[in-house]
Amino acid sequence: MANLFDAANAPEGEPLEIVVGDFIQWKRSDLVQDYPLASYSAQYVARITGGGNTEILLVGSETGGTYLFTASSSTTSGYEAGYYHWQLEVVQTATSNRIVVDRGEFTIIQDLDVNGADPRSHAEIMIGKIESILQGKADSDVGSYSIAGRSLTKMSFAELMTARDQYKAEFQQEVAKDRARRGKPTGSTIKVRFG
């Protein structure tokens, strides 16, 4: 395995996952021919899914004749875990004009060294919560109640089952994506043997 702290060993292209608190770096050699480093700059802008104020900005630097993007451990320790959409922007130095040349996604995952870190995805957490409610529903199946003029309506058994099934489907997609990224079967292939 190559030393990933060494810029010479930086992988080509964006990571699919970033662990909060990890040093990260990658290069984009494909940009240099069309956007020479002397006349252009490049930066990634990423936003967490669902909006909000969480934005990540990584400005490329010239290393070994290519664009290199890095973030220190102290920088990524402030990243919020979640699913992000990014765009790669190239800026013409002379005019400050900008164009978006690429787009994609990555996931920032929680560092397991952090006390109380929950490595589960949102979908996986919701499946557990809904199943916990479903287990208690048999004991208390009151659909709504009112206390001191305030009323509360609970989700019905059917609504909870539907929500659980939606989160299970989302979680299965996450697992399939992860397995495909690692080059393993996704589980969507049906194997048949005739004999």
N, C-alpha and C. Protein backbone atom coordinates (compact mmCIF):
# COMPACT_ATOMS: atom_id res chain seq x y z
N MET A 1 0.84 -1.18 0.00
CA MET A 1 0.00 0.00 0.00
C MET A 1 0.89 1.24 0.00
N ALA A 2 0.51 2.21 -0.80
CA ALA A 2 1.27 3.47 -0.90
C ALA A 2 0.91 4.39 0.26
N ASN A 3 1.86 5.24 0.63
CA ASN A 3 1.66 6.22 1.70
C ASN A 3 0.70 7.30 1.19
N LEU A 4 -0.51 7.33 1.72
CA LEU A 4 -1.54 8.26 1.25
C LEU A 4 -1.37 9.69 1.77
N PHE A 5 -0.37 9.92 2.63
CA PHE A 5 -0.04 11.28 3.05
C PHE A 5 0.83 11.96 2.00
N ASP A 6 1.48 11.18 1.15
CA ASP A 6 2.37 11.69 0.12
C ASP A 6 1.55 12.14 -1.08
N ALA A 7 1.72 13.41 -1.49
CA ALA A 7 0.95 13.96 -2.62
C ALA A 7 1.18 13.16 -3.90
N ALA A 8 2.37 12.56 -4.05
CA ALA A 8 2.65 11.76 -5.25
C ALA A 8 1.73 10.54 -5.34
N ASN A 9 1.21 10.09 -4.20
CA ASN A 9 0.32 8.92 -4.17
C ASN A 9 -1.15 9.29 -4.08
N ALA A 10 -1.47 10.57 -4.20
CA ALA A 10 -2.87 11.01 -4.11
C ALA A 10 -3.67 10.31 -5.20
N PRO A 11 -4.83 9.76 -4.87
CA PRO A 11 -5.64 9.09 -5.88
C PRO A 11 -6.20 10.07 -6.90
N GLU A 12 -6.47 9.57 -8.07
CA GLU A 12 -7.06 10.38 -9.15
C GLU A 12 -8.57 10.38 -8.96
N GLY A 13 -9.17 11.55 -8.84
CA GLY A 13 -10.62 11.66 -8.72
C GLY A 13 -11.10 11.72 -7.29
N GLU A 14 -12.34 12.12 -7.15
CA GLU A 14 -12.96 12.39 -5.86
C GLU A 14 -13.21 11.10 -5.07
N PRO A 15 -13.14 11.20 -3.74
CA PRO A 15 -13.50 10.04 -2.91
C PRO A 15 -15.02 9.86 -2.89
N LEU A 16 -15.46 8.63 -2.65
CA LEU A 16 -16.88 8.37 -2.48
C LEU A 16 -17.29 8.54 -1.02
N GLU A 17 -16.31 8.35 -0.12
CA GLU A 17 -16.56 8.51 1.31
C GLU A 17 -15.42 9.30 1.94
N ILE A 18 -15.77 10.11 2.91
CA ILE A 18 -14.79 10.85 3.71
C ILE A 18 -15.15 10.60 5.17
N VAL A 19 -14.17 10.20 5.96
CA VAL A 19 -14.39 10.00 7.39
C VAL A 19 -14.09 11.31 8.10
N VAL A 20 -15.00 11.74 8.95
CA VAL A 20 -14.80 12.97 9.72
C VAL A 20 -13.48 12.85 10.48
N GLY A 21 -12.61 13.86 10.31
CA GLY A 21 -11.33 13.87 11.00
C GLY A 21 -10.17 13.28 10.22
N ASP A 22 -10.43 12.73 9.03
CA ASP A 22 -9.36 12.17 8.20
C ASP A 22 -8.72 13.24 7.33
N PHE A 23 -7.41 13.11 7.11
CA PHE A 23 -6.71 13.90 6.09
C PHE A 23 -7.13 13.32 4.74
N ILE A 24 -7.50 14.19 3.81
CA ILE A 24 -7.90 13.72 2.48
C ILE A 24 -7.15 14.51 1.41
N GLN A 25 -6.90 13.84 0.30
CA GLN A 25 -6.33 14.51 -0.86
C GLN A 25 -6.63 13.67 -2.10
N TRP A 26 -6.81 14.37 -3.20
CA TRP A 26 -6.94 13.72 -4.49
C TRP A 26 -6.53 14.70 -5.57
N LYS A 27 -6.30 14.19 -6.76
CA LYS A 27 -5.88 15.06 -7.86
C LYS A 27 -6.83 14.92 -9.03
N ARG A 28 -6.81 15.93 -9.90
CA ARG A 28 -7.57 15.92 -11.15
C ARG A 28 -6.62 16.30 -12.28
N SER A 29 -5.88 15.32 -12.77
CA SER A 29 -4.91 15.53 -13.84
C SER A 29 -5.59 15.85 -15.17
N ASP A 30 -6.84 15.42 -15.33
CA ASP A 30 -7.54 15.61 -16.60
C ASP A 30 -7.85 17.08 -16.89
N LEU A 31 -7.79 17.94 -15.91
CA LEU A 31 -8.12 19.36 -16.10
C LEU A 31 -7.00 20.17 -16.72
N VAL A 32 -5.76 19.74 -16.50
CA VAL A 32 -4.59 20.57 -16.84
C VAL A 32 -4.50 20.89 -18.33
N GLN A 33 -4.84 19.96 -19.20
CA GLN A 33 -4.70 20.22 -20.63
C GLN A 33 -5.63 21.35 -21.10
N ASP A 34 -6.88 21.33 -20.67
CA ASP A 34 -7.84 22.35 -21.09
C ASP A 34 -7.80 23.61 -20.23
N TYR A 35 -7.38 23.47 -18.98
CA TYR A 35 -7.35 24.59 -18.04
C TYR A 35 -5.98 24.66 -17.38
N PRO A 36 -4.97 25.19 -18.11
CA PRO A 36 -3.61 25.26 -17.57
C PRO A 36 -3.56 26.01 -16.24
N LEU A 37 -2.74 25.49 -15.35
CA LEU A 37 -2.63 26.03 -14.00
C LEU A 37 -2.23 27.51 -13.98
N ALA A 38 -1.51 27.97 -15.00
CA ALA A 38 -1.06 29.37 -15.02
C ALA A 38 -2.22 30.34 -15.30
N SER A 39 -3.30 29.86 -15.91
CA SER A 39 -4.39 30.75 -16.32
C SER A 39 -5.72 30.48 -15.62
N TYR A 40 -5.80 29.39 -14.85
CA TYR A 40 -7.07 28.99 -14.24
C TYR A 40 -6.85 28.51 -12.81
N SER A 41 -7.94 28.50 -12.05
CA SER A 41 -7.94 27.86 -10.73
C SER A 41 -9.15 26.95 -10.67
N ALA A 42 -9.12 26.00 -9.75
CA ALA A 42 -10.23 25.04 -9.63
C ALA A 42 -10.59 24.87 -8.16
N GLN A 43 -11.88 24.68 -7.89
CA GLN A 43 -12.34 24.46 -6.52
C GLN A 43 -13.58 23.58 -6.51
N TYR A 44 -13.72 22.82 -5.43
CA TYR A 44 -14.92 22.03 -5.18
C TYR A 44 -15.80 22.78 -4.20
N VAL A 45 -17.09 22.80 -4.48
CA VAL A 45 -18.08 23.31 -3.55
C VAL A 45 -19.06 22.17 -3.31
N ALA A 46 -19.28 21.84 -2.03
CA ALA A 46 -20.18 20.73 -1.70
C ALA A 46 -21.19 21.20 -0.66
N ARG A 47 -22.42 20.69 -0.79
CA ARG A 47 -23.49 21.00 0.17
C ARG A 47 -24.17 19.72 0.59
N ILE A 48 -24.53 19.68 1.87
CA ILE A 48 -25.20 18.53 2.42
C ILE A 48 -26.61 18.44 1.84
N THR A 49 -27.08 17.23 1.60
CA THR A 49 -28.43 17.02 1.08
C THR A 49 -29.44 17.56 2.08
N GLY A 50 -30.46 18.20 1.57
CA GLY A 50 -31.49 18.77 2.42
C GLY A 50 -31.26 20.24 2.70
N GLY A 51 -30.21 20.79 2.12
CA GLY A 51 -29.95 22.22 2.30
C GLY A 51 -29.25 22.51 3.61
N GLY A 52 -29.49 23.68 4.12
CA GLY A 52 -28.82 24.08 5.35
C GLY A 52 -27.58 24.89 5.03
N ASN A 53 -26.85 25.25 6.06
CA ASN A 53 -25.68 26.10 5.90
C ASN A 53 -24.38 25.33 5.74
N THR A 54 -24.44 24.00 5.76
CA THR A 54 -23.23 23.21 5.68
C THR A 54 -22.68 23.23 4.27
N GLU A 55 -21.56 23.94 4.09
CA GLU A 55 -20.90 24.01 2.79
C GLU A 55 -19.43 23.65 2.98
N ILE A 56 -18.90 22.91 2.03
CA ILE A 56 -17.49 22.56 2.03
C ILE A 56 -16.87 23.20 0.79
N LEU A 57 -15.73 23.85 0.98
CA LEU A 57 -15.01 24.48 -0.13
C LEU A 57 -13.57 23.97 -0.10
N LEU A 58 -13.14 23.37 -1.20
CA LEU A 58 -11.76 22.90 -1.33
C LEU A 58 -11.14 23.53 -2.56
N VAL A 59 -10.12 24.32 -2.37
CA VAL A 59 -9.45 25.01 -3.46
C VAL A 59 -8.24 24.18 -3.89
N GLY A 60 -8.11 23.95 -5.20
CA GLY A 60 -7.01 23.17 -5.72
C GLY A 60 -5.71 23.96 -5.71
N SER A 61 -4.61 23.23 -5.58
CA SER A 61 -3.29 23.83 -5.66
C SER A 61 -2.49 23.07 -6.72
N GLU A 62 -1.43 23.68 -7.19
CA GLU A 62 -0.59 23.04 -8.21
C GLU A 62 0.44 22.17 -7.52
N THR A 63 0.44 20.90 -7.85
CA THR A 63 1.45 19.97 -7.33
C THR A 63 1.79 18.99 -8.44
N GLY A 64 3.05 18.96 -8.81
CA GLY A 64 3.50 18.01 -9.83
C GLY A 64 2.82 18.21 -11.17
N GLY A 65 2.47 19.44 -11.51
CA GLY A 65 1.86 19.72 -12.79
C GLY A 65 0.39 19.33 -12.88
N THR A 66 -0.27 19.17 -11.76
CA THR A 66 -1.69 18.82 -11.76
C THR A 66 -2.42 19.57 -10.65
N TYR A 67 -3.75 19.53 -10.69
CA TYR A 67 -4.56 20.13 -9.62
C TYR A 67 -4.65 19.13 -8.47
N LEU A 68 -4.26 19.56 -7.28
CA LEU A 68 -4.32 18.73 -6.09
C LEU A 68 -5.27 19.39 -5.09
N PHE A 69 -6.17 18.59 -4.54
CA PHE A 69 -7.15 19.07 -3.56
C PHE A 69 -6.90 18.36 -2.24
N THR A 70 -6.76 19.13 -1.17
CA THR A 70 -6.48 18.55 0.15
C THR A 70 -7.33 19.20 1.22
N ALA A 71 -7.54 18.44 2.29
CA ALA A 71 -8.16 18.97 3.50
C ALA A 71 -7.49 18.29 4.68
N SER A 72 -7.03 19.08 5.63
CA SER A 72 -6.34 18.54 6.81
C SER A 72 -7.33 17.86 7.75
N SER A 73 -6.79 17.09 8.67
CA SER A 73 -7.63 16.44 9.68
C SER A 73 -8.39 17.47 10.51
N SER A 74 -7.73 18.58 10.83
CA SER A 74 -8.41 19.60 11.63
C SER A 74 -9.57 20.22 10.86
N THR A 75 -9.45 20.32 9.54
CA THR A 75 -10.55 20.84 8.72
C THR A 75 -11.70 19.85 8.66
N THR A 76 -11.41 18.59 8.35
CA THR A 76 -12.49 17.61 8.19
C THR A 76 -13.13 17.23 9.52
N SER A 77 -12.45 17.51 10.63
CA SER A 77 -13.06 17.21 11.93
C SER A 77 -14.30 18.09 12.16
N GLY A 78 -14.40 19.19 11.42
CA GLY A 78 -15.57 20.06 11.52
C GLY A 78 -16.67 19.70 10.54
N TYR A 79 -16.45 18.69 9.70
CA TYR A 79 -17.47 18.29 8.72
C TYR A 79 -18.63 17.57 9.40
N GLU A 80 -19.81 17.82 8.90
CA GLU A 80 -21.02 17.16 9.41
C GLU A 80 -21.26 15.89 8.60
N ALA A 81 -21.49 14.78 9.27
CA ALA A 81 -21.76 13.53 8.58
C ALA A 81 -23.04 13.66 7.77
N GLY A 82 -23.05 13.08 6.58
CA GLY A 82 -24.23 13.12 5.73
C GLY A 82 -23.88 12.88 4.28
N TYR A 83 -24.88 13.02 3.43
CA TYR A 83 -24.74 12.80 1.99
C TYR A 83 -24.63 14.16 1.32
N TYR A 84 -23.59 14.37 0.52
CA TYR A 84 -23.28 15.67 -0.07
C TYR A 84 -23.31 15.61 -1.60
N HIS A 85 -23.70 16.71 -2.19
CA HIS A 85 -23.60 16.92 -3.64
C HIS A 85 -22.50 17.94 -3.85
N TRP A 86 -21.61 17.68 -4.81
CA TRP A 86 -20.53 18.62 -5.08
C TRP A 86 -20.53 19.06 -6.53
N GLN A 87 -19.88 20.19 -6.76
CA GLN A 87 -19.60 20.62 -8.12
C GLN A 87 -18.16 21.11 -8.17
N LEU A 88 -17.51 20.84 -9.30
CA LEU A 88 -16.15 21.27 -9.53
C LEU A 88 -16.20 22.50 -10.42
N GLU A 89 -15.67 23.62 -9.93
CA GLU A 89 -15.72 24.89 -10.64
C GLU A 89 -14.31 25.27 -11.10
N VAL A 90 -14.22 25.74 -12.33
CA VAL A 90 -12.97 26.28 -12.86
C VAL A 90 -13.18 27.77 -13.08
N VAL A 91 -12.21 28.57 -12.61
CA VAL A 91 -12.28 30.03 -12.72
C VAL A 91 -11.13 30.51 -13.61
N GLN A 92 -11.47 31.32 -14.59
CA GLN A 92 -10.45 31.92 -15.46
C GLN A 92 -9.84 33.10 -14.69
N THR A 93 -8.56 33.05 -14.45
CA THR A 93 -7.89 34.05 -13.61
C THR A 93 -8.05 35.47 -14.16
N ALA A 94 -7.87 35.65 -15.46
CA ALA A 94 -7.89 37.00 -16.05
C ALA A 94 -9.24 37.68 -15.95
N THR A 95 -10.34 36.91 -16.03
CA THR A 95 -11.67 37.52 -16.07
C THR A 95 -12.52 37.23 -14.84
N SER A 96 -12.11 36.29 -14.01
CA SER A 96 -12.89 35.80 -12.85
C SER A 96 -14.17 35.09 -13.27
N ASN A 97 -14.31 34.76 -14.56
CA ASN A 97 -15.47 33.98 -15.03
C ASN A 97 -15.34 32.55 -14.55
N ARG A 98 -16.47 31.95 -14.20
CA ARG A 98 -16.51 30.61 -13.63
C ARG A 98 -17.39 29.70 -14.47
N ILE A 99 -17.01 28.43 -14.56
CA ILE A 99 -17.88 27.40 -15.15
C ILE A 99 -17.82 26.16 -14.27
N VAL A 100 -18.92 25.43 -14.22
CA VAL A 100 -18.97 24.15 -13.52
C VAL A 100 -18.63 23.07 -14.54
N VAL A 101 -17.56 22.31 -14.26
CA VAL A 101 -17.10 21.32 -15.22
C VAL A 101 -17.44 19.88 -14.83
N ASP A 102 -17.86 19.66 -13.58
CA ASP A 102 -18.19 18.30 -13.15
C ASP A 102 -19.07 18.38 -11.91
N ARG A 103 -19.86 17.32 -11.70
CA ARG A 103 -20.72 17.21 -10.52
C ARG A 103 -20.72 15.78 -10.03
N GLY A 104 -21.04 15.61 -8.76
CA GLY A 104 -21.11 14.27 -8.20
C GLY A 104 -21.57 14.29 -6.76
N GLU A 105 -21.36 13.17 -6.08
CA GLU A 105 -21.79 13.03 -4.69
C GLU A 105 -20.72 12.30 -3.89
N PHE A 106 -20.70 12.54 -2.61
CA PHE A 106 -19.92 11.73 -1.68
C PHE A 106 -20.63 11.70 -0.34
N THR A 107 -20.24 10.75 0.49
CA THR A 107 -20.82 10.61 1.81
C THR A 107 -19.75 10.90 2.84
N ILE A 108 -20.09 11.72 3.82
CA ILE A 108 -19.19 11.94 4.95
C ILE A 108 -19.72 11.09 6.09
N ILE A 109 -18.85 10.22 6.58
CA ILE A 109 -19.28 9.29 7.63
C ILE A 109 -18.63 9.64 8.96
N GLN A 110 -19.33 9.33 10.03
CA GLN A 110 -18.89 9.66 11.38
C GLN A 110 -17.65 8.85 11.75
N ASP A 111 -16.73 9.47 12.43
CA ASP A 111 -15.53 8.81 12.94
C ASP A 111 -15.94 7.95 14.14
N LEU A 112 -15.56 6.67 14.12
CA LEU A 112 -15.93 5.77 15.20
C LEU A 112 -15.14 6.03 16.49
N ASP A 113 -14.07 6.84 16.40
CA ASP A 113 -13.30 7.18 17.60
C ASP A 113 -14.05 8.16 18.50
N VAL A 114 -15.06 8.81 17.99
CA VAL A 114 -15.81 9.80 18.76
C VAL A 114 -16.77 9.08 19.70
N ASN A 115 -16.75 9.47 20.98
CA ASN A 115 -17.67 8.84 21.94
C ASN A 115 -19.11 9.05 21.52
N GLY A 116 -19.88 7.99 21.56
CA GLY A 116 -21.29 8.06 21.23
C GLY A 116 -21.57 8.09 19.74
N ALA A 117 -20.54 7.90 18.90
CA ALA A 117 -20.74 7.92 17.45
C ALA A 117 -21.63 6.75 17.03
N ASP A 118 -22.59 7.03 16.20
CA ASP A 118 -23.48 6.00 15.69
C ASP A 118 -23.16 5.81 14.21
N PRO A 119 -22.56 4.67 13.83
CA PRO A 119 -22.14 4.48 12.44
C PRO A 119 -23.28 4.19 11.48
N ARG A 120 -24.49 4.06 11.99
CA ARG A 120 -25.61 3.73 11.12
C ARG A 120 -26.04 4.93 10.28
N SER A 121 -26.56 4.63 9.09
CA SER A 121 -27.11 5.68 8.24
C SER A 121 -28.46 6.13 8.82
N HIS A 122 -28.96 7.24 8.28
CA HIS A 122 -30.27 7.73 8.72
C HIS A 122 -31.35 6.67 8.51
N ALA A 123 -31.32 6.02 7.35
CA ALA A 123 -32.33 5.00 7.04
C ALA A 123 -32.27 3.87 8.06
N GLU A 124 -31.06 3.42 8.39
CA GLU A 124 -30.91 2.32 9.35
C GLU A 124 -31.40 2.71 10.74
N ILE A 125 -31.12 3.95 11.14
CA ILE A 125 -31.60 4.44 12.45
C ILE A 125 -33.13 4.48 12.47
N MET A 126 -33.73 4.97 11.39
CA MET A 126 -35.19 5.07 11.34
C MET A 126 -35.86 3.70 11.35
N ILE A 127 -35.26 2.72 10.70
CA ILE A 127 -35.82 1.36 10.73
C ILE A 127 -35.91 0.88 12.17
N GLY A 128 -34.83 1.07 12.92
CA GLY A 128 -34.82 0.66 14.33
C GLY A 128 -35.88 1.37 15.16
N LYS A 129 -36.01 2.68 14.94
CA LYS A 129 -37.00 3.45 15.70
C LYS A 129 -38.43 3.02 15.37
N ILE A 130 -38.70 2.84 14.09
CA ILE A 130 -40.06 2.45 13.69
C ILE A 130 -40.38 1.06 14.20
N GLU A 131 -39.43 0.14 14.12
CA GLU A 131 -39.68 -1.22 14.62
C GLU A 131 -39.90 -1.22 16.12
N SER A 132 -39.22 -0.33 16.84
CA SER A 132 -39.44 -0.20 18.27
C SER A 132 -40.87 0.28 18.56
N ILE A 133 -41.34 1.23 17.77
CA ILE A 133 -42.72 1.72 17.92
C ILE A 133 -43.70 0.61 17.60
N LEU A 134 -43.43 -0.14 16.53
CA LEU A 134 -44.33 -1.23 16.14
C LEU A 134 -44.44 -2.28 17.24
N GLN A 135 -43.35 -2.57 17.92
CA GLN A 135 -43.39 -3.55 19.01
C GLN A 135 -44.26 -3.05 20.15
N GLY A 136 -44.20 -1.76 20.45
CA GLY A 136 -45.00 -1.20 21.53
C GLY A 136 -46.45 -0.94 21.13
N LYS A 137 -46.72 -0.92 19.84
CA LYS A 137 -48.06 -0.60 19.34
C LYS A 137 -49.08 -1.66 19.75
N ALA A 138 -48.65 -2.89 19.88
CA ALA A 138 -49.59 -3.95 20.28
C ALA A 138 -50.10 -3.72 21.69
N ASP A 139 -49.28 -3.12 22.54
CA ASP A 139 -49.68 -2.86 23.92
C ASP A 139 -50.55 -1.61 24.06
N SER A 140 -50.33 -0.63 23.19
CA SER A 140 -51.07 0.61 23.29
C SER A 140 -51.45 1.08 21.90
N ASP A 141 -52.63 0.72 21.47
CA ASP A 141 -53.02 1.07 20.11
C ASP A 141 -54.02 2.20 20.06
N VAL A 142 -53.92 3.14 21.01
CA VAL A 142 -54.75 4.33 20.98
C VAL A 142 -54.24 5.21 19.85
N GLY A 143 -55.12 5.59 18.91
CA GLY A 143 -54.71 6.35 17.74
C GLY A 143 -54.51 7.82 18.02
N SER A 144 -55.28 8.39 18.95
CA SER A 144 -55.11 9.80 19.27
C SER A 144 -55.63 10.06 20.67
N TYR A 145 -55.14 11.14 21.26
CA TYR A 145 -55.62 11.51 22.59
C TYR A 145 -55.45 13.01 22.77
N SER A 146 -56.09 13.52 23.83
CA SER A 146 -56.05 14.95 24.10
C SER A 146 -55.77 15.18 25.58
N ILE A 147 -54.84 16.12 25.84
CA ILE A 147 -54.50 16.48 27.22
C ILE A 147 -54.45 18.00 27.29
N ALA A 148 -55.20 18.58 28.21
CA ALA A 148 -55.22 20.02 28.45
C ALA A 148 -55.44 20.81 27.16
N GLY A 149 -56.35 20.34 26.34
CA GLY A 149 -56.69 21.06 25.12
C GLY A 149 -55.75 20.83 23.95
N ARG A 150 -54.69 20.06 24.16
CA ARG A 150 -53.77 19.75 23.07
C ARG A 150 -54.00 18.31 22.65
N SER A 151 -54.08 18.09 21.35
CA SER A 151 -54.32 16.72 20.88
C SER A 151 -53.12 16.22 20.09
N LEU A 152 -52.96 14.90 20.11
CA LEU A 152 -51.87 14.23 19.41
C LEU A 152 -52.44 13.04 18.66
N THR A 153 -52.05 12.90 17.42
CA THR A 153 -52.49 11.76 16.62
C THR A 153 -51.25 10.96 16.26
N LYS A 154 -51.30 9.66 16.56
CA LYS A 154 -50.18 8.78 16.25
C LYS A 154 -50.35 8.20 14.85
N MET A 155 -49.24 7.77 14.29
CA MET A 155 -49.30 7.09 13.00
C MET A 155 -49.99 5.74 13.19
N SER A 156 -50.79 5.37 12.22
CA SER A 156 -51.45 4.07 12.29
C SER A 156 -50.44 2.96 12.04
N PHE A 157 -50.85 1.74 12.35
CA PHE A 157 -50.00 0.58 12.12
C PHE A 157 -49.62 0.50 10.64
N ALA A 158 -50.57 0.71 9.76
CA ALA A 158 -50.31 0.64 8.31
C ALA A 158 -49.33 1.73 7.88
N GLU A 159 -49.47 2.95 8.42
CA GLU A 159 -48.56 4.04 8.08
C GLU A 159 -47.15 3.73 8.56
N LEU A 160 -47.03 3.16 9.76
CA LEU A 160 -45.72 2.79 10.27
C LEU A 160 -45.07 1.70 9.41
N MET A 161 -45.87 0.71 9.00
CA MET A 161 -45.36 -0.37 8.15
C MET A 161 -44.86 0.19 6.81
N THR A 162 -45.61 1.12 6.24
CA THR A 162 -45.23 1.74 4.97
C THR A 162 -43.92 2.51 5.13
N ALA A 163 -43.82 3.30 6.20
CA ALA A 163 -42.60 4.07 6.45
C ALA A 163 -41.41 3.15 6.66
N ARG A 164 -41.62 2.08 7.44
CA ARG A 164 -40.53 1.13 7.67
C ARG A 164 -40.07 0.51 6.36
N ASP A 165 -41.01 0.11 5.50
CA ASP A 165 -40.66 -0.51 4.22
C ASP A 165 -39.90 0.46 3.32
N GLN A 166 -40.27 1.74 3.36
CA GLN A 166 -39.56 2.74 2.55
C GLN A 166 -38.12 2.90 3.05
N TYR A 167 -37.94 2.94 4.36
CA TYR A 167 -36.58 3.06 4.89
C TYR A 167 -35.77 1.80 4.63
N LYS A 168 -36.43 0.64 4.68
CA LYS A 168 -35.71 -0.61 4.36
C LYS A 168 -35.23 -0.60 2.91
N ALA A 169 -36.07 -0.13 2.00
CA ALA A 169 -35.68 -0.05 0.59
C ALA A 169 -34.50 0.92 0.42
N GLU A 170 -34.56 2.05 1.11
CA GLU A 170 -33.46 3.03 1.05
C GLU A 170 -32.17 2.43 1.59
N PHE A 171 -32.28 1.70 2.70
CA PHE A 171 -31.10 1.07 3.30
C PHE A 171 -30.53 -0.01 2.38
N GLN A 172 -31.38 -0.80 1.73
CA GLN A 172 -30.92 -1.82 0.80
C GLN A 172 -30.17 -1.19 -0.38
N GLN A 173 -30.63 -0.02 -0.84
CA GLN A 173 -29.93 0.70 -1.90
C GLN A 173 -28.56 1.16 -1.42
N GLU A 174 -28.48 1.63 -0.18
CA GLU A 174 -27.20 2.06 0.39
C GLU A 174 -26.22 0.89 0.43
N VAL A 175 -26.71 -0.27 0.88
CA VAL A 175 -25.86 -1.46 0.98
C VAL A 175 -25.40 -1.89 -0.41
N ALA A 176 -26.30 -1.88 -1.39
CA ALA A 176 -25.95 -2.27 -2.76
C ALA A 176 -24.90 -1.32 -3.34
N LYS A 177 -25.06 -0.01 -3.11
CA LYS A 177 -24.08 0.98 -3.59
C LYS A 177 -22.71 0.72 -2.97
N ASP A 178 -22.71 0.45 -1.67
CA ASP A 178 -21.46 0.21 -0.97
C ASP A 178 -20.79 -1.05 -1.49
N ARG A 179 -21.56 -2.11 -1.70
CA ARG A 179 -21.00 -3.36 -2.22
C ARG A 179 -20.47 -3.17 -3.64
N ALA A 180 -21.19 -2.43 -4.47
CA ALA A 180 -20.74 -2.17 -5.85
C ALA A 180 -19.44 -1.38 -5.84
N ARG A 181 -19.35 -0.40 -4.95
CA ARG A 181 -18.14 0.41 -4.83
C ARG A 181 -16.94 -0.44 -4.46
N ARG A 182 -17.17 -1.47 -3.66
CA ARG A 182 -16.10 -2.35 -3.22
C ARG A 182 -15.85 -3.51 -4.19
N GLY A 183 -16.62 -3.52 -5.30
CA GLY A 183 -16.44 -4.57 -6.30
C GLY A 183 -17.04 -5.89 -5.91
N LYS A 184 -18.02 -5.89 -5.02
CA LYS A 184 -18.67 -7.13 -4.57
C LYS A 184 -20.06 -7.22 -5.17
N PRO A 185 -20.60 -8.43 -5.25
CA PRO A 185 -21.96 -8.57 -5.79
C PRO A 185 -22.95 -7.74 -4.96
N THR A 186 -23.90 -7.12 -5.65
CA THR A 186 -24.84 -6.23 -4.97
C THR A 186 -26.05 -6.96 -4.41
N GLY A 187 -26.19 -8.22 -4.75
CA GLY A 187 -27.34 -8.98 -4.27
C GLY A 187 -28.54 -8.86 -5.17
N SER A 188 -28.43 -8.06 -6.24
CA SER A 188 -29.56 -7.90 -7.15
C SER A 188 -29.49 -8.89 -8.30
N THR A 189 -28.42 -9.68 -8.38
CA THR A 189 -28.28 -10.66 -9.44
C THR A 189 -28.83 -11.99 -8.97
N ILE A 190 -29.66 -12.59 -9.77
CA ILE A 190 -30.23 -13.90 -9.44
C ILE A 190 -29.43 -14.94 -10.20
N LYS A 191 -28.83 -15.88 -9.47
CA LYS A 191 -28.02 -16.91 -10.08
C LYS A 191 -28.88 -18.16 -10.27
N VAL A 192 -28.83 -18.73 -11.46
CA VAL A 192 -29.60 -19.93 -11.78
C VAL A 192 -28.66 -20.96 -12.36
N ARG A 193 -28.80 -22.18 -11.91
CA ARG A 193 -27.98 -23.26 -12.46
C ARG A 193 -28.91 -24.30 -13.07
N PHE A 194 -28.60 -24.69 -14.28
CA PHE A 194 -29.37 -25.72 -14.95
C PHE A 194 -28.53 -26.99 -14.95
N GLY A 195 -29.17 -28.05 -14.63
CA GLY A 195 -28.30 -29.19 -14.61
C GLY A 195 -28.95 -30.47 -14.67
